[in-house]
Amino acid sequence: MNKLEQIVKALADKTRLRMVNLIMNRELCVCQMQVLLDMSQPRISRHAHILSDAGIIKQRKDGQRVFYSISHIDELDSMMDYLKEQFLDESVYRDDKKKLKKISEQLDELEN
């Protein structure tokens, strides 16, 4: 399977689309994604592994936590816009972004 096929296959899942959409806005750990997506740790980790194998996200360990951020893929922004438009209800993204904003504000307060 070539790299483009691997990327498209990885993004062919709604949960992974939601994860990438969130991670595009902020580096997140599995525990934060659990709260944001209301999913179990094994499920988040499995999807993160697929995204990581495709080169879409990268990981950074900090103690026991693994943080995920977006890898540099030139076409990712436009690809995500198209995929979200085609496959996901806009309200899902609005809700995810609201949750992310709330969690980000809490995290920012803890860091200061």
PDB file of N, CA and C in Angstrom:
ATOM      1  N   MET A   1       0.855  -1.175   0.000  1.00  0.00           N
ATOM      2  CA  MET A   1       0.000   0.000   0.000  1.00  0.00           C
ATOM      3  C   MET A   1       0.904   1.242   0.000  1.00  0.00           C
ATOM      4  N   ASN A   2       0.635   2.171  -0.898  1.00  0.00           N
ATOM      5  CA  ASN A   2       1.456   3.381  -0.924  1.00  0.00           C
ATOM      6  C   ASN A   2       0.987   4.359   0.166  1.00  0.00           C
ATOM      7  N   LYS A   3       1.775   5.412   0.372  1.00  0.00           N
ATOM      8  CA  LYS A   3       1.525   6.350   1.478  1.00  0.00           C
ATOM      9  C   LYS A   3       0.164   7.037   1.362  1.00  0.00           C
ATOM     10  N   LEU A   4      -0.206   7.482   0.158  1.00  0.00           N
ATOM     11  CA  LEU A   4      -1.489   8.153  -0.023  1.00  0.00           C
ATOM     12  C   LEU A   4      -2.647   7.214   0.299  1.00  0.00           C
ATOM     13  N   GLU A   5      -2.559   5.982  -0.126  1.00  0.00           N
ATOM     14  CA  GLU A   5      -3.607   5.004   0.197  1.00  0.00           C
ATOM     15  C   GLU A   5      -3.707   4.789   1.700  1.00  0.00           C
ATOM     16  N   GLN A   6      -2.570   4.744   2.377  1.00  0.00           N
ATOM     17  CA  GLN A   6      -2.560   4.552   3.824  1.00  0.00           C
ATOM     18  C   GLN A   6      -3.210   5.742   4.540  1.00  0.00           C
ATOM     19  N   ILE A   7      -2.934   6.951   4.067  1.00  0.00           N
ATOM     20  CA  ILE A   7      -3.527   8.151   4.663  1.00  0.00           C
ATOM     21  C   ILE A   7      -5.036   8.156   4.453  1.00  0.00           C
ATOM     22  N   VAL A   8      -5.465   7.884   3.227  1.00  0.00           N
ATOM     23  CA  VAL A   8      -6.902   7.881   2.923  1.00  0.00           C
ATOM     24  C   VAL A   8      -7.620   6.803   3.724  1.00  0.00           C
ATOM     25  N   LYS A   9      -7.022   5.634   3.824  1.00  0.00           N
ATOM     26  CA  LYS A   9      -7.631   4.551   4.604  1.00  0.00           C
ATOM     27  C   LYS A   9      -7.744   4.941   6.083  1.00  0.00           C
ATOM     28  N   ALA A  10      -6.706   5.579   6.609  1.00  0.00           N
ATOM     29  CA  ALA A  10      -6.727   5.993   8.019  1.00  0.00           C
ATOM     30  C   ALA A  10      -7.813   7.037   8.281  1.00  0.00           C
ATOM     31  N   LEU A  11      -8.055   7.905   7.313  1.00  0.00           N
ATOM     32  CA  LEU A  11      -9.054   8.962   7.483  1.00  0.00           C
ATOM     33  C   LEU A  11     -10.460   8.528   7.076  1.00  0.00           C
ATOM     34  N   ALA A  12     -10.616   7.265   6.730  1.00  0.00           N
ATOM     35  CA  ALA A  12     -11.914   6.762   6.286  1.00  0.00           C
ATOM     36  C   ALA A  12     -12.827   6.376   7.446  1.00  0.00           C
ATOM     37  N   ASP A  13     -12.439   6.727   8.637  1.00  0.00           N
ATOM     38  CA  ASP A  13     -13.215   6.400   9.830  1.00  0.00           C
ATOM     39  C   ASP A  13     -13.623   7.697  10.528  1.00  0.00           C
ATOM     40  N   LYS A  14     -14.883   7.798  10.904  1.00  0.00           N
ATOM     41  CA  LYS A  14     -15.393   9.035  11.513  1.00  0.00           C
ATOM     42  C   LYS A  14     -14.695   9.370  12.833  1.00  0.00           C
ATOM     43  N   THR A  15     -14.406   8.370  13.631  1.00  0.00           N
ATOM     44  CA  THR A  15     -13.717   8.631  14.894  1.00  0.00           C
ATOM     45  C   THR A  15     -12.337   9.217  14.637  1.00  0.00           C
ATOM     46  N   ARG A  16     -11.615   8.654  13.680  1.00  0.00           N
ATOM     47  CA  ARG A  16     -10.276   9.171  13.379  1.00  0.00           C
ATOM     48  C   ARG A  16     -10.347  10.570  12.776  1.00  0.00           C
ATOM     49  N   LEU A  17     -11.378  10.846  11.990  1.00  0.00           N
ATOM     50  CA  LEU A  17     -11.562  12.210  11.482  1.00  0.00           C
ATOM     51  C   LEU A  17     -11.759  13.188  12.629  1.00  0.00           C
ATOM     52  N   ARG A  18     -12.569  12.799  13.594  1.00  0.00           N
ATOM     53  CA  ARG A  18     -12.797  13.664  14.753  1.00  0.00           C
ATOM     54  C   ARG A  18     -11.503  13.872  15.529  1.00  0.00           C
ATOM     55  N   MET A  19     -10.737  12.808  15.713  1.00  0.00           N
ATOM     56  CA  MET A  19      -9.478  12.918  16.448  1.00  0.00           C
ATOM     57  C   MET A  19      -8.520  13.877  15.744  1.00  0.00           C
ATOM     58  N   VAL A  20      -8.370  13.712  14.436  1.00  0.00           N
ATOM     59  CA  VAL A  20      -7.465  14.581  13.689  1.00  0.00           C
ATOM     60  C   VAL A  20      -7.949  16.022  13.747  1.00  0.00           C
ATOM     61  N   ASN A  21      -9.243  16.215  13.626  1.00  0.00           N
ATOM     62  CA  ASN A  21      -9.792  17.568  13.695  1.00  0.00           C
ATOM     63  C   ASN A  21      -9.441  18.242  15.028  1.00  0.00           C
ATOM     64  N   LEU A  22      -9.502  17.493  16.110  1.00  0.00           N
ATOM     65  CA  LEU A  22      -9.147  18.040  17.421  1.00  0.00           C
ATOM     66  C   LEU A  22      -7.645  18.270  17.547  1.00  0.00           C
ATOM     67  N   ILE A  23      -6.862  17.294  17.124  1.00  0.00           N
ATOM     68  CA  ILE A  23      -5.413  17.385  17.262  1.00  0.00           C
ATOM     69  C   ILE A  23      -4.841  18.478  16.369  1.00  0.00           C
ATOM     70  N   MET A  24      -5.537  18.819  15.292  1.00  0.00           N
ATOM     71  CA  MET A  24      -5.079  19.914  14.434  1.00  0.00           C
ATOM     72  C   MET A  24      -5.097  21.241  15.200  1.00  0.00           C
ATOM     73  N   ASN A  25      -5.896  21.313  16.271  1.00  0.00           N
ATOM     74  CA  ASN A  25      -6.032  22.542  17.049  1.00  0.00           C
ATOM     75  C   ASN A  25      -5.136  22.586  18.278  1.00  0.00           C
ATOM     76  N   ARG A  26      -4.752  21.422  18.791  1.00  0.00           N
ATOM     77  CA  ARG A  26      -3.952  21.396  20.026  1.00  0.00           C
ATOM     78  C   ARG A  26      -3.391  19.994  20.230  1.00  0.00           C
ATOM     79  N   GLU A  27      -2.187  19.930  20.738  1.00  0.00           N
ATOM     80  CA  GLU A  27      -1.607  18.647  21.131  1.00  0.00           C
ATOM     81  C   GLU A  27      -2.463  18.078  22.263  1.00  0.00           C
ATOM     82  N   LEU A  28      -2.811  16.809  22.156  1.00  0.00           N
ATOM     83  CA  LEU A  28      -3.673  16.185  23.160  1.00  0.00           C
ATOM     84  C   LEU A  28      -3.127  14.825  23.577  1.00  0.00           C
ATOM     85  N   CYS A  29      -3.388  14.473  24.824  1.00  0.00           N
ATOM     86  CA  CYS A  29      -3.035  13.130  25.284  1.00  0.00           C
ATOM     87  C   CYS A  29      -4.273  12.242  25.196  1.00  0.00           C
ATOM     88  N   VAL A  30      -4.062  10.953  25.361  1.00  0.00           N
ATOM     89  CA  VAL A  30      -5.156   9.990  25.267  1.00  0.00           C
ATOM     90  C   VAL A  30      -6.254  10.315  26.274  1.00  0.00           C
ATOM     91  N   CYS A  31      -5.860  10.665  27.509  1.00  0.00           N
ATOM     92  CA  CYS A  31      -6.872  10.942  28.540  1.00  0.00           C
ATOM     93  C   CYS A  31      -7.738  12.141  28.160  1.00  0.00           C
ATOM     94  N   GLN A  32      -7.166  13.145  27.516  1.00  0.00           N
ATOM     95  CA  GLN A  32      -7.951  14.297  27.077  1.00  0.00           C
ATOM     96  C   GLN A  32      -8.907  13.906  25.947  1.00  0.00           C
ATOM     97  N   MET A  33      -8.416  13.064  25.028  1.00  0.00           N
ATOM     98  CA  MET A  33      -9.288  12.618  23.937  1.00  0.00           C
ATOM     99  C   MET A  33     -10.415  11.728  24.448  1.00  0.00           C
ATOM    100  N   GLN A  34     -10.140  10.982  25.522  1.00  0.00           N
ATOM    101  CA  GLN A  34     -11.200  10.173  26.132  1.00  0.00           C
ATOM    102  C   GLN A  34     -12.358  11.065  26.567  1.00  0.00           C
ATOM    103  N   VAL A  35     -12.032  12.166  27.222  1.00  0.00           N
ATOM    104  CA  VAL A  35     -13.052  13.094  27.703  1.00  0.00           C
ATOM    105  C   VAL A  35     -13.754  13.764  26.518  1.00  0.00           C
ATOM    106  N   LEU A  36     -12.971  14.237  25.566  1.00  0.00           N
ATOM    107  CA  LEU A  36     -13.534  14.959  24.425  1.00  0.00           C
ATOM    108  C   LEU A  36     -14.448  14.084  23.569  1.00  0.00           C
ATOM    109  N   LEU A  37     -14.053  12.835  23.365  1.00  0.00           N
ATOM    110  CA  LEU A  37     -14.802  11.957  22.457  1.00  0.00           C
ATOM    111  C   LEU A  37     -15.689  10.958  23.187  1.00  0.00           C
ATOM    112  N   ASP A  38     -15.616  10.952  24.515  1.00  0.00           N
ATOM    113  CA  ASP A  38     -16.398  10.024  25.342  1.00  0.00           C
ATOM    114  C   ASP A  38     -16.193   8.583  24.879  1.00  0.00           C
ATOM    115  N   MET A  39     -14.917   8.193  24.826  1.00  0.00           N
ATOM    116  CA  MET A  39     -14.541   6.853  24.380  1.00  0.00           C
ATOM    117  C   MET A  39     -13.517   6.271  25.339  1.00  0.00           C
ATOM    118  N   SER A  40     -13.357   4.976  25.286  1.00  0.00           N
ATOM    119  CA  SER A  40     -12.416   4.287  26.174  1.00  0.00           C
ATOM    120  C   SER A  40     -10.972   4.483  25.722  1.00  0.00           C
ATOM    121  N   GLN A  41     -10.050   4.288  26.659  1.00  0.00           N
ATOM    122  CA  GLN A  41      -8.626   4.424  26.369  1.00  0.00           C
ATOM    123  C   GLN A  41      -8.175   3.446  25.287  1.00  0.00           C
ATOM    124  N   PRO A  42      -8.572   2.166  25.337  1.00  0.00           N
ATOM    125  CA  PRO A  42      -8.125   1.252  24.279  1.00  0.00           C
ATOM    126  C   PRO A  42      -8.620   1.664  22.880  1.00  0.00           C
ATOM    127  N   ARG A  43      -9.820   2.176  22.817  1.00  0.00           N
ATOM    128  CA  ARG A  43     -10.365   2.599  21.522  1.00  0.00           C
ATOM    129  C   ARG A  43      -9.593   3.815  20.980  1.00  0.00           C
ATOM    130  N   ILE A  44      -9.341   4.796  21.835  1.00  0.00           N
ATOM    131  CA  ILE A  44      -8.578   5.975  21.426  1.00  0.00           C
ATOM    132  C   ILE A  44      -7.180   5.548  20.981  1.00  0.00           C
ATOM    133  N   SER A  45      -6.533   4.701  21.768  1.00  0.00           N
ATOM    134  CA  SER A  45      -5.176   4.261  21.452  1.00  0.00           C
ATOM    135  C   SER A  45      -5.117   3.497  20.135  1.00  0.00           C
ATOM    136  N   ARG A  46      -6.109   2.667  19.879  1.00  0.00           N
ATOM    137  CA  ARG A  46      -6.142   1.903  18.620  1.00  0.00           C
ATOM    138  C   ARG A  46      -6.239   2.848  17.432  1.00  0.00           C
ATOM    139  N   HIS A  47      -7.135   3.821  17.517  1.00  0.00           N
ATOM    140  CA  HIS A  47      -7.287   4.782  16.421  1.00  0.00           C
ATOM    141  C   HIS A  47      -6.028   5.649  16.276  1.00  0.00           C
ATOM    142  N   ALA A  48      -5.432   6.038  17.391  1.00  0.00           N
ATOM    143  CA  ALA A  48      -4.207   6.842  17.345  1.00  0.00           C
ATOM    144  C   ALA A  48      -3.078   6.057  16.688  1.00  0.00           C
ATOM    145  N   HIS A  49      -3.018   4.770  16.959  1.00  0.00           N
ATOM    146  CA  HIS A  49      -1.994   3.921  16.357  1.00  0.00           C
ATOM    147  C   HIS A  49      -2.138   3.889  14.830  1.00  0.00           C
ATOM    148  N   ILE A  50      -3.348   3.768  14.350  1.00  0.00           N
ATOM    149  CA  ILE A  50      -3.608   3.761  12.902  1.00  0.00           C
ATOM    150  C   ILE A  50      -3.203   5.091  12.282  1.00  0.00           C
ATOM    151  N   LEU A  51      -3.573   6.193  12.935  1.00  0.00           N
ATOM    152  CA  LEU A  51      -3.209   7.523  12.431  1.00  0.00           C
ATOM    153  C   LEU A  51      -1.700   7.736  12.460  1.00  0.00           C
ATOM    154  N   SER A  52      -1.059   7.233  13.482  1.00  0.00           N
ATOM    155  CA  SER A  52       0.388   7.350  13.603  1.00  0.00           C
ATOM    156  C   SER A  52       1.095   6.528  12.526  1.00  0.00           C
ATOM    157  N   ASP A  53       0.636   5.307  12.293  1.00  0.00           N
ATOM    158  CA  ASP A  53       1.224   4.459  11.255  1.00  0.00           C
ATOM    159  C   ASP A  53       1.110   5.087   9.871  1.00  0.00           C
ATOM    160  N   ALA A  54       0.028   5.840   9.656  1.00  0.00           N
ATOM    161  CA  ALA A  54      -0.177   6.513   8.364  1.00  0.00           C
ATOM    162  C   ALA A  54       0.641   7.798   8.269  1.00  0.00           C
ATOM    163  N   GLY A  55       1.265   8.199   9.373  1.00  0.00           N
ATOM    164  CA  GLY A  55       2.084   9.411   9.372  1.00  0.00           C
ATOM    165  C   GLY A  55       1.289  10.692   9.555  1.00  0.00           C
ATOM    166  N   ILE A  56       0.017  10.578   9.930  1.00  0.00           N
ATOM    167  CA  ILE A  56      -0.854  11.750  10.079  1.00  0.00           C
ATOM    168  C   ILE A  56      -0.591  12.455  11.402  1.00  0.00           C
ATOM    169  N   ILE A  57      -0.364  11.670  12.438  1.00  0.00           N
ATOM    170  CA  ILE A  57      -0.050  12.241  13.744  1.00  0.00           C
ATOM    171  C   ILE A  57       1.279  11.675  14.228  1.00  0.00           C
ATOM    172  N   LYS A  58       1.885  12.410  15.142  1.00  0.00           N
ATOM    173  CA  LYS A  58       3.114  11.939  15.776  1.00  0.00           C
ATOM    174  C   LYS A  58       2.893  11.965  17.276  1.00  0.00           C
ATOM    175  N   GLN A  59       3.706  11.208  17.992  1.00  0.00           N
ATOM    176  CA  GLN A  59       3.530  11.136  19.430  1.00  0.00           C
ATOM    177  C   GLN A  59       4.778  11.577  20.172  1.00  0.00           C
ATOM    178  N   ARG A  60       4.512  12.059  21.386  1.00  0.00           N
ATOM    179  CA  ARG A  60       5.571  12.501  22.287  1.00  0.00           C
ATOM    180  C   ARG A  60       5.223  11.976  23.672  1.00  0.00           C
ATOM    181  N   LYS A  61       6.164  11.282  24.289  1.00  0.00           N
ATOM    182  CA  LYS A  61       5.936  10.769  25.636  1.00  0.00           C
ATOM    183  C   LYS A  61       6.388  11.780  26.672  1.00  0.00           C
ATOM    184  N   ASP A  62       5.571  11.898  27.713  1.00  0.00           N
ATOM    185  CA  ASP A  62       5.904  12.744  28.853  1.00  0.00           C
ATOM    186  C   ASP A  62       5.506  11.959  30.088  1.00  0.00           C
ATOM    187  N   GLY A  63       6.477  11.249  30.657  1.00  0.00           N
ATOM    188  CA  GLY A  63       6.171  10.373  31.784  1.00  0.00           C
ATOM    189  C   GLY A  63       5.301   9.219  31.309  1.00  0.00           C
ATOM    190  N   GLN A  64       4.165   9.043  31.961  1.00  0.00           N
ATOM    191  CA  GLN A  64       3.238   7.979  31.594  1.00  0.00           C
ATOM    192  C   GLN A  64       2.313   8.367  30.450  1.00  0.00           C
ATOM    193  N   ARG A  65       2.250   9.637  30.137  1.00  0.00           N
ATOM    194  CA  ARG A  65       1.316  10.122  29.114  1.00  0.00           C
ATOM    195  C   ARG A  65       1.959  10.155  27.735  1.00  0.00           C
ATOM    196  N   VAL A  66       1.116   9.922  26.741  1.00  0.00           N
ATOM    197  CA  VAL A  66       1.534  10.050  25.351  1.00  0.00           C
ATOM    198  C   VAL A  66       0.703  11.177  24.749  1.00  0.00           C
ATOM    199  N   PHE A  67       1.386  12.173  24.211  1.00  0.00           N
ATOM    200  CA  PHE A  67       0.725  13.311  23.586  1.00  0.00           C
ATOM    201  C   PHE A  67       0.819  13.184  22.075  1.00  0.00           C
ATOM    202  N   TYR A  68      -0.265  13.547  21.407  1.00  0.00           N
ATOM    203  CA  TYR A  68      -0.321  13.460  19.950  1.00  0.00           C
ATOM    204  C   TYR A  68      -0.442  14.847  19.335  1.00  0.00           C
ATOM    205  N   SER A  69       0.288  15.038  18.248  1.00  0.00           N
ATOM    206  CA  SER A  69       0.199  16.268  17.470  1.00  0.00           C
ATOM    207  C   SER A  69       0.202  15.889  15.995  1.00  0.00           C
ATOM    208  N   ILE A  70      -0.108  16.847  15.153  1.00  0.00           N
ATOM    209  CA  ILE A  70      -0.207  16.606  13.721  1.00  0.00           C
ATOM    210  C   ILE A  70       1.180  16.579  13.088  1.00  0.00           C
ATOM    211  N   SER A  71       1.386  15.608  12.228  1.00  0.00           N
ATOM    212  CA  SER A  71       2.597  15.567  11.414  1.00  0.00           C
ATOM    213  C   SER A  71       2.412  16.541  10.260  1.00  0.00           C
ATOM    214  N   HIS A  72       3.503  16.955   9.673  1.00  0.00           N
ATOM    215  CA  HIS A  72       3.411  17.890   8.554  1.00  0.00           C
ATOM    216  C   HIS A  72       3.044  17.129   7.274  1.00  0.00           C
ATOM    217  N   ILE A  73       1.818  17.336   6.823  1.00  0.00           N
ATOM    218  CA  ILE A  73       1.358  16.800   5.537  1.00  0.00           C
ATOM    219  C   ILE A  73       0.714  17.966   4.812  1.00  0.00           C
ATOM    220  N   ASP A  74       1.302  18.377   3.706  1.00  0.00           N
ATOM    221  CA  ASP A  74       0.842  19.567   2.993  1.00  0.00           C
ATOM    222  C   ASP A  74      -0.643  19.543   2.655  1.00  0.00           C
ATOM    223  N   GLU A  75      -1.135  18.416   2.234  1.00  0.00           N
ATOM    224  CA  GLU A  75      -2.506  18.336   1.753  1.00  0.00           C
ATOM    225  C   GLU A  75      -3.529  18.074   2.854  1.00  0.00           C
ATOM    226  N   LEU A  76      -3.090  17.936   4.100  1.00  0.00           N
ATOM    227  CA  LEU A  76      -3.995  17.504   5.161  1.00  0.00           C
ATOM    228  C   LEU A  76      -5.141  18.483   5.406  1.00  0.00           C
ATOM    229  N   ASP A  77      -4.879  19.779   5.433  1.00  0.00           N
ATOM    230  CA  ASP A  77      -5.943  20.754   5.696  1.00  0.00           C
ATOM    231  C   ASP A  77      -7.067  20.656   4.679  1.00  0.00           C
ATOM    232  N   SER A  78      -6.714  20.677   3.405  1.00  0.00           N
ATOM    233  CA  SER A  78      -7.757  20.621   2.377  1.00  0.00           C
ATOM    234  C   SER A  78      -8.431  19.256   2.357  1.00  0.00           C
ATOM    235  N   MET A  79      -7.670  18.201   2.613  1.00  0.00           N
ATOM    236  CA  MET A  79      -8.252  16.862   2.654  1.00  0.00           C
ATOM    237  C   MET A  79      -9.248  16.763   3.809  1.00  0.00           C
ATOM    238  N   MET A  80      -8.891  17.307   4.971  1.00  0.00           N
ATOM    239  CA  MET A  80      -9.789  17.264   6.130  1.00  0.00           C
ATOM    240  C   MET A  80     -11.057  18.060   5.871  1.00  0.00           C
ATOM    241  N   ASP A  81     -10.928  19.233   5.266  1.00  0.00           N
ATOM    242  CA  ASP A  81     -12.111  20.032   4.953  1.00  0.00           C
ATOM    243  C   ASP A  81     -13.078  19.244   4.077  1.00  0.00           C
ATOM    244  N   TYR A  82     -12.553  18.609   3.057  1.00  0.00           N
ATOM    245  CA  TYR A  82     -13.396  17.828   2.142  1.00  0.00           C
ATOM    246  C   TYR A  82     -14.039  16.646   2.871  1.00  0.00           C
ATOM    247  N   LEU A  83     -13.251  15.897   3.632  1.00  0.00           N
ATOM    248  CA  LEU A  83     -13.775  14.715   4.306  1.00  0.00           C
ATOM    249  C   LEU A  83     -14.827  15.070   5.352  1.00  0.00           C
ATOM    250  N   LYS A  84     -14.593  16.143   6.114  1.00  0.00           N
ATOM    251  CA  LYS A  84     -15.584  16.565   7.106  1.00  0.00           C
ATOM    252  C   LYS A  84     -16.890  16.933   6.421  1.00  0.00           C
ATOM    253  N   GLU A  85     -16.777  17.652   5.321  1.00  0.00           N
ATOM    254  CA  GLU A  85     -17.960  18.086   4.581  1.00  0.00           C
ATOM    255  C   GLU A  85     -18.759  16.893   4.056  1.00  0.00           C
ATOM    256  N   GLN A  86     -18.061  15.876   3.614  1.00  0.00           N
ATOM    257  CA  GLN A  86     -18.714  14.716   3.008  1.00  0.00           C
ATOM    258  C   GLN A  86     -19.265  13.714   4.017  1.00  0.00           C
ATOM    259  N   PHE A  87     -18.565  13.556   5.145  1.00  0.00           N
ATOM    260  CA  PHE A  87     -18.877  12.420   6.004  1.00  0.00           C
ATOM    261  C   PHE A  87     -19.362  12.727   7.408  1.00  0.00           C
ATOM    262  N   LEU A  88     -19.217  13.956   7.852  1.00  0.00           N
ATOM    263  CA  LEU A  88     -19.592  14.229   9.233  1.00  0.00           C
ATOM    264  C   LEU A  88     -20.586  15.371   9.332  1.00  0.00           C
ATOM    265  N   ASP A  89     -21.495  15.202  10.253  1.00  0.00           N
ATOM    266  CA  ASP A  89     -22.466  16.240  10.560  1.00  0.00           C
ATOM    267  C   ASP A  89     -21.733  17.402  11.228  1.00  0.00           C
ATOM    268  N   GLU A  90     -21.969  18.591  10.765  1.00  0.00           N
ATOM    269  CA  GLU A  90     -21.290  19.774  11.288  1.00  0.00           C
ATOM    270  C   GLU A  90     -21.467  19.919  12.800  1.00  0.00           C
ATOM    271  N   SER A  91     -22.603  19.476  13.321  1.00  0.00           N
ATOM    272  CA  SER A  91     -22.830  19.609  14.765  1.00  0.00           C
ATOM    273  C   SER A  91     -21.825  18.785  15.577  1.00  0.00           C
ATOM    274  N   VAL A  92     -21.367  17.676  15.029  1.00  0.00           N
ATOM    275  CA  VAL A  92     -20.364  16.864  15.711  1.00  0.00           C
ATOM    276  C   VAL A  92     -19.097  17.679  15.924  1.00  0.00           C
ATOM    277  N   TYR A  93     -18.667  18.381  14.887  1.00  0.00           N
ATOM    278  CA  TYR A  93     -17.461  19.195  15.002  1.00  0.00           C
ATOM    279  C   TYR A  93     -17.663  20.386  15.914  1.00  0.00           C
ATOM    280  N   ARG A  94     -18.832  20.990  15.845  1.00  0.00           N
ATOM    281  CA  ARG A  94     -19.115  22.124  16.736  1.00  0.00           C
ATOM    282  C   ARG A  94     -19.028  21.678  18.186  1.00  0.00           C
ATOM    283  N   ASP A  95     -19.641  20.550  18.488  1.00  0.00           N
ATOM    284  CA  ASP A  95     -19.612  20.030  19.854  1.00  0.00           C
ATOM    285  C   ASP A  95     -18.187  19.690  20.290  1.00  0.00           C
ATOM    286  N   ASP A  96     -17.432  19.032  19.402  1.00  0.00           N
ATOM    287  CA  ASP A  96     -16.045  18.697  19.718  1.00  0.00           C
ATOM    288  C   ASP A  96     -15.232  19.955  19.997  1.00  0.00           C
ATOM    289  N   LYS A  97     -15.424  20.988  19.176  1.00  0.00           N
ATOM    290  CA  LYS A  97     -14.659  22.233  19.341  1.00  0.00           C
ATOM    291  C   LYS A  97     -15.028  22.935  20.649  1.00  0.00           C
ATOM    292  N   LYS A  98     -16.306  22.897  21.017  1.00  0.00           N
ATOM    293  CA  LYS A  98     -16.720  23.502  22.282  1.00  0.00           C
ATOM    294  C   LYS A  98     -16.051  22.801  23.458  1.00  0.00           C
ATOM    295  N   LYS A  99     -16.060  21.474  23.423  1.00  0.00           N
ATOM    296  CA  LYS A  99     -15.416  20.705  24.489  1.00  0.00           C
ATOM    297  C   LYS A  99     -13.921  20.996  24.531  1.00  0.00           C
ATOM    298  N   LEU A 100     -13.294  21.054  23.353  1.00  0.00           N
ATOM    299  CA  LEU A 100     -11.869  21.331  23.285  1.00  0.00           C
ATOM    300  C   LEU A 100     -11.549  22.709  23.853  1.00  0.00           C
ATOM    301  N   LYS A 101     -12.361  23.690  23.536  1.00  0.00           N
ATOM    302  CA  LYS A 101     -12.138  25.038  24.045  1.00  0.00           C
ATOM    303  C   LYS A 101     -12.207  25.053  25.568  1.00  0.00           C
ATOM    304  N   LYS A 102     -13.204  24.365  26.119  1.00  0.00           N
ATOM    305  CA  LYS A 102     -13.368  24.322  27.570  1.00  0.00           C
ATOM    306  C   LYS A 102     -12.168  23.634  28.231  1.00  0.00           C
ATOM    307  N   ILE A 103     -11.755  22.517  27.687  1.00  0.00           N
ATOM    308  CA  ILE A 103     -10.611  21.792  28.247  1.00  0.00           C
ATOM    309  C   ILE A 103      -9.332  22.607  28.079  1.00  0.00           C
ATOM    310  N   SER A 104      -9.174  23.249  26.930  1.00  0.00           N
ATOM    311  CA  SER A 104      -7.979  24.077  26.685  1.00  0.00           C
ATOM    312  C   SER A 104      -7.886  25.212  27.693  1.00  0.00           C
ATOM    313  N   GLU A 105      -9.010  25.848  27.992  1.00  0.00           N
ATOM    314  CA  GLU A 105      -9.018  26.927  28.980  1.00  0.00           C
ATOM    315  C   GLU A 105      -8.607  26.397  30.355  1.00  0.00           C
ATOM    316  N   GLN A 106      -9.105  25.226  30.711  1.00  0.00           N
ATOM    317  CA  GLN A 106      -8.744  24.626  32.001  1.00  0.00           C
ATOM    318  C   GLN A 106      -7.257  24.295  32.046  1.00  0.00           C
ATOM    319  N   LEU A 107      -6.731  23.757  30.943  1.00  0.00           N
ATOM    320  CA  LEU A 107      -5.315  23.418  30.876  1.00  0.00           C
ATOM    321  C   LEU A 107      -4.438  24.658  30.965  1.00  0.00           C
ATOM    322  N   ASP A 108      -4.854  25.714  30.262  1.00  0.00           N
ATOM    323  CA  ASP A 108      -4.102  26.961  30.283  1.00  0.00           C
ATOM    324  C   ASP A 108      -4.041  27.553  31.690  1.00  0.00           C
ATOM    325  N   GLU A 109      -5.143  27.438  32.434  1.00  0.00           N
ATOM    326  CA  GLU A 109      -5.184  27.930  33.809  1.00  0.00           C
ATOM    327  C   GLU A 109      -4.218  27.126  34.685  1.00  0.00           C
ATOM    328  N   LEU A 110      -4.136  25.822  34.488  1.00  0.00           N
ATOM    329  CA  LEU A 110      -3.249  24.979  35.267  1.00  0.00           C
ATOM    330  C   LEU A 110      -1.779  25.295  34.973  1.00  0.00           C
ATOM    331  N   GLU A 111      -1.481  25.633  33.716  1.00  0.00           N
ATOM    332  CA  GLU A 111      -0.104  25.920  33.331  1.00  0.00           C
ATOM    333  C   GLU A 111       0.377  27.254  33.874  1.00  0.00           C
ATOM    334  N   ASN A 112      -0.539  28.177  34.154  1.00  0.00           N
ATOM    335  CA  ASN A 112      -0.158  29.520  34.652  1.00  0.00           C
ATOM    336  C   ASN A 112      -0.084  29.561  36.149  1.00  0.00           C
TER     337      ASN A 112
END
